[in-house]
N, C-alpha and C. Protein backbone atom coordinates (compact mmCIF):
# COMPACT_ATOMS: atom_id res chain seq x y z
N MET A 1 -70.26 5.30 -19.85
CA MET A 1 -70.20 5.61 -21.20
C MET A 1 -69.22 6.49 -21.72
N ARG A 2 -68.25 5.89 -22.42
CA ARG A 2 -66.95 6.92 -23.03
C ARG A 2 -67.52 7.66 -23.71
N ASP A 3 -66.74 9.13 -23.80
CA ASP A 3 -66.95 10.08 -24.63
C ASP A 3 -66.89 9.86 -25.91
N SER A 4 -67.53 10.28 -26.97
CA SER A 4 -67.56 9.74 -28.45
C SER A 4 -66.24 10.04 -29.05
N ILE A 5 -65.67 9.18 -29.79
CA ILE A 5 -64.39 9.39 -30.49
C ILE A 5 -64.89 9.84 -31.93
N ILE A 6 -66.12 10.04 -32.17
CA ILE A 6 -66.79 10.36 -33.58
C ILE A 6 -67.12 11.53 -33.74
N VAL A 7 -67.79 12.20 -32.53
CA VAL A 7 -67.63 13.63 -32.51
C VAL A 7 -67.11 14.64 -31.55
N ASP A 8 -66.75 15.57 -31.64
CA ASP A 8 -66.27 16.63 -30.69
C ASP A 8 -67.32 16.67 -29.49
N MET A 9 -66.99 16.55 -28.37
CA MET A 9 -68.03 16.37 -27.59
C MET A 9 -68.57 17.88 -27.16
N LYS A 10 -67.95 18.96 -27.84
CA LYS A 10 -68.72 20.23 -27.53
C LYS A 10 -70.09 20.24 -28.38
N TYR A 11 -70.11 19.22 -29.55
CA TYR A 11 -71.24 18.94 -30.19
C TYR A 11 -72.19 17.97 -29.86
N ALA A 12 -72.01 17.38 -28.73
CA ALA A 12 -72.53 16.13 -28.40
C ALA A 12 -74.06 16.20 -27.94
N ASP A 13 -74.38 17.64 -28.03
CA ASP A 13 -75.98 17.88 -27.52
C ASP A 13 -76.69 18.32 -28.99
N PHE A 14 -75.93 17.82 -30.08
CA PHE A 14 -76.53 18.33 -31.42
C PHE A 14 -76.74 16.97 -32.42
N ASP A 15 -77.87 16.70 -33.24
CA ASP A 15 -77.68 16.11 -34.07
C ASP A 15 -76.93 15.95 -35.06
N ILE A 16 -76.17 14.72 -35.69
CA ILE A 16 -74.80 15.01 -36.43
C ILE A 16 -75.68 15.30 -37.91
N ILE A 17 -76.59 14.59 -38.07
CA ILE A 17 -77.52 14.89 -39.42
C ILE A 17 -77.95 16.41 -39.80
N ASN A 18 -78.81 16.69 -38.81
CA ASN A 18 -79.19 18.26 -39.02
C ASN A 18 -78.87 19.31 -38.37
N GLY A 19 -77.93 18.94 -37.24
CA GLY A 19 -77.61 20.07 -36.11
C GLY A 19 -78.57 20.63 -35.24
N GLN A 20 -80.03 19.53 -35.18
CA GLN A 20 -81.17 20.18 -34.07
C GLN A 20 -80.73 19.58 -32.41
N TYR A 21 -81.57 20.54 -31.54
CA TYR A 21 -80.84 19.90 -30.18
C TYR A 21 -82.01 19.06 -29.71
N GLY A 22 -81.50 18.22 -28.77
CA GLY A 22 -82.62 17.44 -28.27
C GLY A 22 -82.33 15.92 -28.77
N VAL A 23 -81.14 15.24 -28.51
CA VAL A 23 -80.59 13.87 -28.85
C VAL A 23 -80.48 12.97 -27.96
N GLU A 24 -80.33 11.64 -28.70
CA GLU A 24 -80.36 10.62 -27.87
C GLU A 24 -79.04 9.92 -28.33
N ARG A 25 -78.28 9.09 -27.71
CA ARG A 25 -76.85 8.58 -28.13
C ARG A 25 -77.57 7.23 -29.09
N HIS A 26 -76.75 7.17 -29.95
CA HIS A 26 -77.07 6.01 -30.87
C HIS A 26 -75.60 5.48 -31.05
N HIS A 27 -75.43 4.04 -30.48
CA HIS A 27 -74.48 3.42 -30.50
C HIS A 27 -74.24 2.46 -32.33
N CYS A 28 -73.17 2.95 -32.93
CA CYS A 28 -72.92 2.63 -34.31
C CYS A 28 -72.81 1.10 -34.44
N LEU A 29 -72.41 0.22 -33.59
CA LEU A 29 -72.29 -0.80 -33.47
C LEU A 29 -73.06 -1.36 -32.48
N GLY A 30 -74.22 -2.12 -32.53
CA GLY A 30 -75.05 -2.66 -31.76
C GLY A 30 -75.08 -4.12 -31.31
N GLY A 31 -76.22 -4.60 -31.09
CA GLY A 31 -76.20 -6.21 -30.63
C GLY A 31 -74.97 -6.56 -29.50
N PRO A 32 -74.33 -7.60 -30.13
CA PRO A 32 -73.25 -8.27 -28.80
C PRO A 32 -72.16 -7.22 -28.77
N ASN A 33 -72.04 -6.11 -29.73
CA ASN A 33 -70.75 -5.33 -29.98
C ASN A 33 -71.61 -4.10 -28.99
N ARG A 34 -72.66 -3.67 -28.56
CA ARG A 34 -73.07 -2.56 -27.75
C ARG A 34 -72.07 -2.06 -26.63
N LYS A 35 -71.88 -3.08 -25.67
CA LYS A 35 -70.79 -2.87 -24.86
C LYS A 35 -69.51 -2.40 -25.23
N LYS A 36 -69.09 -2.93 -26.01
CA LYS A 36 -67.78 -2.55 -26.84
C LYS A 36 -67.77 -0.94 -27.34
N ALA A 37 -68.62 -1.00 -27.92
CA ALA A 37 -69.06 0.42 -28.59
C ALA A 37 -69.15 1.25 -27.50
N ASP A 38 -69.52 1.21 -26.27
CA ASP A 38 -69.88 2.05 -25.31
C ASP A 38 -68.33 2.43 -24.67
N GLU A 39 -67.64 1.22 -24.84
CA GLU A 39 -66.31 1.18 -24.16
C GLU A 39 -65.14 2.14 -25.01
N ASP A 40 -65.67 1.93 -26.15
CA ASP A 40 -64.58 2.59 -27.15
C ASP A 40 -65.00 3.96 -27.68
N GLY A 41 -66.22 4.46 -27.32
CA GLY A 41 -66.65 5.63 -27.86
C GLY A 41 -67.41 5.69 -29.10
N LEU A 42 -67.83 4.81 -29.52
CA LEU A 42 -68.38 4.49 -30.87
C LEU A 42 -70.16 4.80 -30.92
N TRP A 43 -70.22 6.19 -30.41
CA TRP A 43 -71.73 6.66 -30.42
C TRP A 43 -71.69 7.80 -31.23
N VAL A 44 -73.12 7.97 -31.49
CA VAL A 44 -73.09 9.53 -32.29
C VAL A 44 -74.57 10.01 -31.91
N PRO A 45 -74.71 11.39 -31.47
CA PRO A 45 -75.81 12.02 -31.20
C PRO A 45 -77.12 12.09 -32.17
N LEU A 46 -78.03 11.53 -32.22
CA LEU A 46 -79.35 11.59 -33.04
C LEU A 46 -80.22 12.27 -32.23
N THR A 47 -81.19 12.77 -33.34
CA THR A 47 -82.56 13.47 -32.63
C THR A 47 -83.50 12.03 -32.60
N PRO A 48 -84.77 11.84 -31.98
CA PRO A 48 -85.52 10.64 -31.83
C PRO A 48 -85.88 10.51 -33.31
N GLU A 49 -86.05 11.66 -34.20
CA GLU A 49 -86.63 11.27 -35.53
C GLU A 49 -85.49 10.31 -36.51
N HIS A 50 -84.15 10.81 -36.15
CA HIS A 50 -82.97 10.27 -36.72
C HIS A 50 -82.42 9.02 -35.89
N HIS A 51 -82.79 8.71 -34.61
CA HIS A 51 -82.29 7.63 -34.13
C HIS A 51 -83.01 6.55 -34.57
N ARG A 52 -84.27 6.43 -33.86
CA ARG A 52 -85.37 5.14 -34.17
C ARG A 52 -86.38 5.68 -34.83
N MET A 53 -87.34 6.76 -35.08
CA MET A 53 -88.46 7.06 -35.46
C MET A 53 -88.80 7.14 -36.86
N GLY A 54 -87.90 7.81 -37.61
CA GLY A 54 -87.99 8.44 -39.11
C GLY A 54 -87.77 7.31 -40.00
N LYS A 55 -88.07 7.53 -41.45
CA LYS A 55 -87.78 6.68 -42.30
C LYS A 55 -86.23 6.64 -42.91
N ILE A 56 -85.62 7.93 -42.21
CA ILE A 56 -84.05 7.94 -42.28
C ILE A 56 -83.56 7.64 -41.32
N SER A 57 -84.06 6.95 -40.49
CA SER A 57 -83.43 6.90 -38.77
C SER A 57 -82.33 5.69 -38.97
N ALA A 58 -81.52 5.66 -37.99
CA ALA A 58 -80.29 4.69 -37.92
C ALA A 58 -81.31 2.98 -37.45
N HIS A 59 -82.15 3.33 -36.94
CA HIS A 59 -82.96 2.11 -36.82
C HIS A 59 -84.11 1.55 -37.76
N GLN A 60 -84.19 2.43 -38.63
CA GLN A 60 -85.11 2.04 -39.87
C GLN A 60 -84.54 1.90 -41.07
N SER A 61 -83.61 2.66 -41.53
CA SER A 61 -82.84 2.86 -42.53
C SER A 61 -81.53 2.10 -42.62
N THR A 62 -81.40 0.98 -43.49
CA THR A 62 -80.22 0.04 -43.77
C THR A 62 -78.91 1.04 -43.94
N GLU A 63 -79.16 1.93 -45.00
CA GLU A 63 -78.30 2.95 -45.53
C GLU A 63 -77.81 3.70 -44.43
N VAL A 64 -78.47 4.39 -43.46
CA VAL A 64 -77.76 4.99 -42.64
C VAL A 64 -77.22 4.14 -41.61
N GLN A 65 -77.57 3.10 -41.05
CA GLN A 65 -77.17 2.05 -40.24
C GLN A 65 -75.70 1.63 -40.74
N LYS A 66 -75.58 1.36 -42.00
CA LYS A 66 -74.27 0.91 -42.63
C LYS A 66 -73.30 2.21 -42.87
N LEU A 67 -73.86 3.44 -43.07
CA LEU A 67 -72.77 4.52 -43.08
C LEU A 67 -72.21 4.71 -41.70
N LEU A 68 -72.93 4.64 -40.53
CA LEU A 68 -72.83 4.94 -39.43
C LEU A 68 -71.99 3.60 -38.79
N GLN A 69 -71.99 2.33 -39.29
CA GLN A 69 -70.91 1.56 -38.87
C GLN A 69 -69.67 1.89 -39.72
N ILE A 70 -69.96 2.18 -40.76
CA ILE A 70 -68.70 2.56 -41.64
C ILE A 70 -67.76 3.87 -41.08
N ILE A 71 -68.65 4.44 -40.52
CA ILE A 71 -68.03 5.65 -39.68
C ILE A 71 -67.12 5.27 -38.37
N ALA A 72 -67.97 4.18 -37.92
CA ALA A 72 -67.62 4.04 -36.31
C ALA A 72 -66.11 3.23 -36.78
N GLN A 73 -65.94 2.21 -37.84
CA GLN A 73 -64.73 1.62 -38.03
C GLN A 73 -63.69 2.70 -38.07
N LEU A 74 -63.97 3.59 -39.09
CA LEU A 74 -62.72 4.57 -39.39
C LEU A 74 -62.47 5.33 -38.54
N SER A 75 -63.22 5.74 -37.45
CA SER A 75 -62.94 6.51 -36.43
C SER A 75 -62.14 5.77 -35.47
N TYR A 76 -62.46 4.56 -35.34
CA TYR A 76 -61.89 3.63 -34.30
C TYR A 76 -60.27 3.64 -34.78
N GLU A 77 -60.20 3.10 -36.13
CA GLU A 77 -58.90 2.99 -36.84
C GLU A 77 -57.98 4.54 -36.79
N LEU A 78 -58.64 5.27 -37.13
CA LEU A 78 -57.89 6.73 -37.06
C LEU A 78 -57.49 6.97 -35.47
N ASN A 79 -58.52 6.80 -34.39
CA ASN A 79 -58.06 6.96 -33.21
C ASN A 79 -56.51 5.86 -32.80
N GLU A 80 -56.85 5.05 -33.39
CA GLU A 80 -55.59 3.92 -32.90
C GLU A 80 -54.16 4.30 -33.88
N VAL A 81 -54.62 4.88 -34.83
CA VAL A 81 -53.27 5.39 -35.89
C VAL A 81 -52.64 6.48 -34.93
N SER A 82 -53.62 7.32 -34.28
CA SER A 82 -53.22 8.47 -33.58
C SER A 82 -52.46 8.10 -32.35
N GLN A 83 -52.58 6.63 -31.79
CA GLN A 83 -51.85 6.22 -30.72
C GLN A 83 -50.59 5.34 -31.00
N GLY A 84 -50.43 5.43 -32.47
CA GLY A 84 -48.92 5.02 -32.95
C GLY A 84 -48.95 3.58 -33.47
N LEU A 85 -50.32 3.15 -33.69
CA LEU A 85 -50.36 1.69 -34.72
C LEU A 85 -50.46 2.27 -36.17
N THR A 86 -49.84 1.44 -36.95
CA THR A 86 -50.10 1.36 -38.23
C THR A 86 -51.43 1.27 -38.94
N VAL A 87 -51.72 1.58 -39.91
CA VAL A 87 -53.11 1.54 -40.69
C VAL A 87 -53.76 -0.27 -40.44
N ASP A 88 -52.70 -0.96 -40.79
CA ASP A 88 -52.85 -2.40 -40.95
C ASP A 88 -53.06 -3.05 -39.59
N GLU A 89 -52.29 -2.46 -38.60
CA GLU A 89 -52.60 -2.89 -37.39
C GLU A 89 -53.68 -2.31 -36.69
N ALA A 90 -54.36 -0.98 -37.11
CA ALA A 90 -55.63 -0.47 -36.64
C ALA A 90 -56.56 -1.38 -37.00
N ARG A 91 -56.64 -1.65 -38.21
CA ARG A 91 -57.64 -2.27 -39.08
C ARG A 91 -57.83 -3.70 -38.50
N LYS A 92 -56.46 -4.35 -38.12
CA LYS A 92 -56.52 -5.79 -37.51
C LYS A 92 -57.26 -6.07 -35.99
N LYS A 93 -56.58 -4.79 -35.06
CA LYS A 93 -57.38 -4.91 -34.06
C LYS A 93 -58.92 -4.40 -34.06
N PHE A 94 -59.21 -3.69 -34.95
CA PHE A 94 -60.86 -3.65 -35.02
C PHE A 94 -61.35 -4.85 -35.26
N PHE A 95 -61.00 -5.47 -36.15
CA PHE A 95 -61.64 -6.68 -36.48
C PHE A 95 -61.29 -7.98 -35.25
N ASP A 96 -60.38 -7.90 -34.62
CA ASP A 96 -60.04 -8.65 -33.58
C ASP A 96 -60.95 -8.32 -32.37
N ARG A 97 -61.38 -7.06 -32.21
CA ARG A 97 -62.48 -6.93 -31.27
C ARG A 97 -63.92 -6.96 -31.51
N TYR A 98 -64.07 -6.84 -33.01
CA TYR A 98 -65.65 -6.59 -33.29
C TYR A 98 -65.91 -7.77 -34.26
N ARG A 99 -64.76 -8.61 -34.62
CA ARG A 99 -65.18 -9.70 -35.51
C ARG A 99 -65.76 -9.44 -36.88
N LYS A 100 -65.76 -8.06 -37.16
CA LYS A 100 -66.24 -7.75 -38.63
C LYS A 100 -65.74 -6.60 -39.14
N PHE A 101 -65.49 -6.40 -40.56
CA PHE A 101 -65.40 -5.24 -41.13
C PHE A 101 -66.40 -4.69 -41.73
N TYR A 102 -66.40 -3.25 -41.50
CA TYR A 102 -67.73 -2.65 -42.44
C TYR A 102 -67.21 -1.96 -43.48
N ILE A 103 -66.06 -1.65 -43.84
CA ILE A 103 -65.47 -1.00 -45.05
C ILE A 103 -64.80 -2.03 -45.95
């Protein structure tokens, strides 16, 4: 699994919602895109409560899930722009890879 491009790896042991220690990696794009998300570093650290168990967890709350998908797309595009692509090229590359827009 590639390092996250969403969070600075020095903070990868802390929940992105409340900063608590003791996290799991949540793939922001799941299902058939999970492996690609691994390859692209589209994951965030979440405590079990924020990952899968609590009512505001990524797997229980549609709002949290959608927010993380938007963050993943923006992070991917920003990473591609930093590599020299235009915003439009980065957005097209995301769509070509994931077959969906989240923003």
